[in-house]
Amino acid sequence: TGGDLTAGSLGRLAVTRQARGLGVGAALVRAIEEEAARLGLTAVDLHAQTHALGFYERLGYVAYGPEFPDAGIPHRAMRREIGAA
């Protein structure tokens, strides 16, 4: 993102309340990372709602930069380095 052609961008990720805690979100993120690596990318960036930081941190994402609003909801930028296939 921001012009970095080696990084993919994970846009919106949502899991229904009924499916939360079942590993669906983590499986979706991992599938995105696998495809990004297959395409030769070396990182995945995302903008996480601040209440979801822990979820992404458990998946290896690191927050950077200041908190910012997106659609009136506080967010932080995050990145995870991945291995290219």
Protein backbone atom coordinates (compact mmCIF):
# COMPACT_ATOMS: atom_id res chain seq x y z
CA THR A 1 0.00 0.00 0.00
CA GLY A 2 1.09 3.59 -0.35
CA GLY A 3 2.97 2.74 -3.53
CA ASP A 4 4.82 -0.30 -2.15
CA LEU A 5 4.55 -2.75 -5.04
CA THR A 6 5.92 -5.62 -2.93
CA ALA A 7 3.04 -5.49 -0.43
CA GLY A 8 -0.51 -6.67 -0.84
CA SER A 9 -3.42 -4.97 0.86
CA LEU A 10 -6.12 -6.74 2.81
CA GLY A 11 -9.21 -4.54 2.49
CA ARG A 12 -12.27 -5.51 4.50
CA LEU A 13 -12.56 -8.73 6.48
CA ALA A 14 -15.76 -9.62 8.28
CA VAL A 15 -16.96 -12.81 9.94
CA THR A 16 -20.53 -13.24 11.17
CA ARG A 17 -21.01 -13.31 14.92
CA GLN A 18 -22.06 -16.96 14.74
CA ALA A 19 -18.79 -17.93 13.03
CA ARG A 20 -16.46 -15.94 15.29
CA GLY A 21 -14.09 -17.99 17.41
CA LEU A 22 -14.17 -20.90 14.96
CA GLY A 23 -10.98 -19.96 13.09
CA VAL A 24 -12.77 -18.67 9.99
CA GLY A 25 -11.15 -15.22 10.11
CA ALA A 26 -7.67 -16.64 10.66
CA ALA A 27 -8.17 -19.10 7.78
CA LEU A 28 -9.24 -16.26 5.47
CA VAL A 29 -6.21 -14.14 6.42
CA ARG A 30 -3.84 -17.09 5.90
CA ALA A 31 -5.39 -17.82 2.49
CA ILE A 32 -4.84 -14.18 1.48
CA GLU A 33 -1.23 -14.36 2.67
CA GLU A 34 -0.64 -17.59 0.74
CA GLU A 35 -1.99 -16.04 -2.45
CA ALA A 36 0.07 -12.89 -1.89
CA ALA A 37 3.21 -15.00 -1.49
CA ARG A 38 2.31 -17.01 -4.61
CA LEU A 39 2.14 -13.70 -6.49
CA GLY A 40 5.64 -12.83 -5.26
CA LEU A 41 4.63 -10.23 -2.68
CA THR A 42 6.68 -9.96 0.50
CA ALA A 43 4.21 -8.33 2.89
CA VAL A 44 0.51 -7.79 3.55
CA ASP A 45 -0.76 -4.46 4.87
CA LEU A 46 -4.15 -3.73 6.41
CA HIS A 47 -6.04 -1.13 8.41
CA ALA A 48 -7.45 -2.77 11.53
CA GLN A 49 -10.19 -1.45 13.74
CA THR A 50 -8.46 -0.87 17.06
CA HIS A 51 -10.66 -3.43 18.84
CA ALA A 52 -9.33 -6.09 16.40
CA LEU A 53 -5.61 -5.35 16.91
CA GLY A 54 -5.16 -8.42 19.13
CA PHE A 55 -6.62 -10.72 16.48
CA TYR A 56 -4.16 -9.51 13.85
CA GLU A 57 -1.25 -9.41 16.32
CA ARG A 58 -1.86 -13.11 17.06
CA LEU A 59 -1.48 -13.70 13.31
CA GLY A 60 1.88 -11.90 13.23
CA TYR A 61 0.82 -8.39 12.17
CA VAL A 62 2.56 -5.39 13.69
CA ALA A 63 0.82 -2.04 14.15
CA TYR A 64 2.60 1.12 13.02
CA GLY A 65 1.80 4.80 12.83
CA PRO A 66 -0.85 6.72 14.72
CA GLU A 67 -4.48 5.78 15.23
CA PHE A 68 -6.76 7.28 12.58
CA PRO A 69 -10.51 7.34 11.88
CA ASP A 70 -12.04 5.38 9.02
CA ALA A 71 -15.83 5.66 8.65
CA GLY A 72 -15.85 7.15 12.16
CA ILE A 73 -14.13 4.07 13.67
CA PRO A 74 -10.58 4.20 15.12
CA HIS A 75 -8.05 2.17 13.09
CA ARG A 76 -4.31 1.41 13.03
CA ALA A 77 -2.18 0.44 10.07
CA MET A 78 -0.62 -3.03 10.36
CA ARG A 79 1.83 -5.11 8.33
CA ARG A 80 3.04 -8.69 8.25
CA GLU A 81 6.10 -9.76 6.31
CA ILE A 82 5.51 -12.96 4.37
CA GLY A 83 7.78 -15.26 2.42
CA ALA A 84 7.47 -15.17 -1.34
CA ALA A 85 6.79 -18.59 -2.87
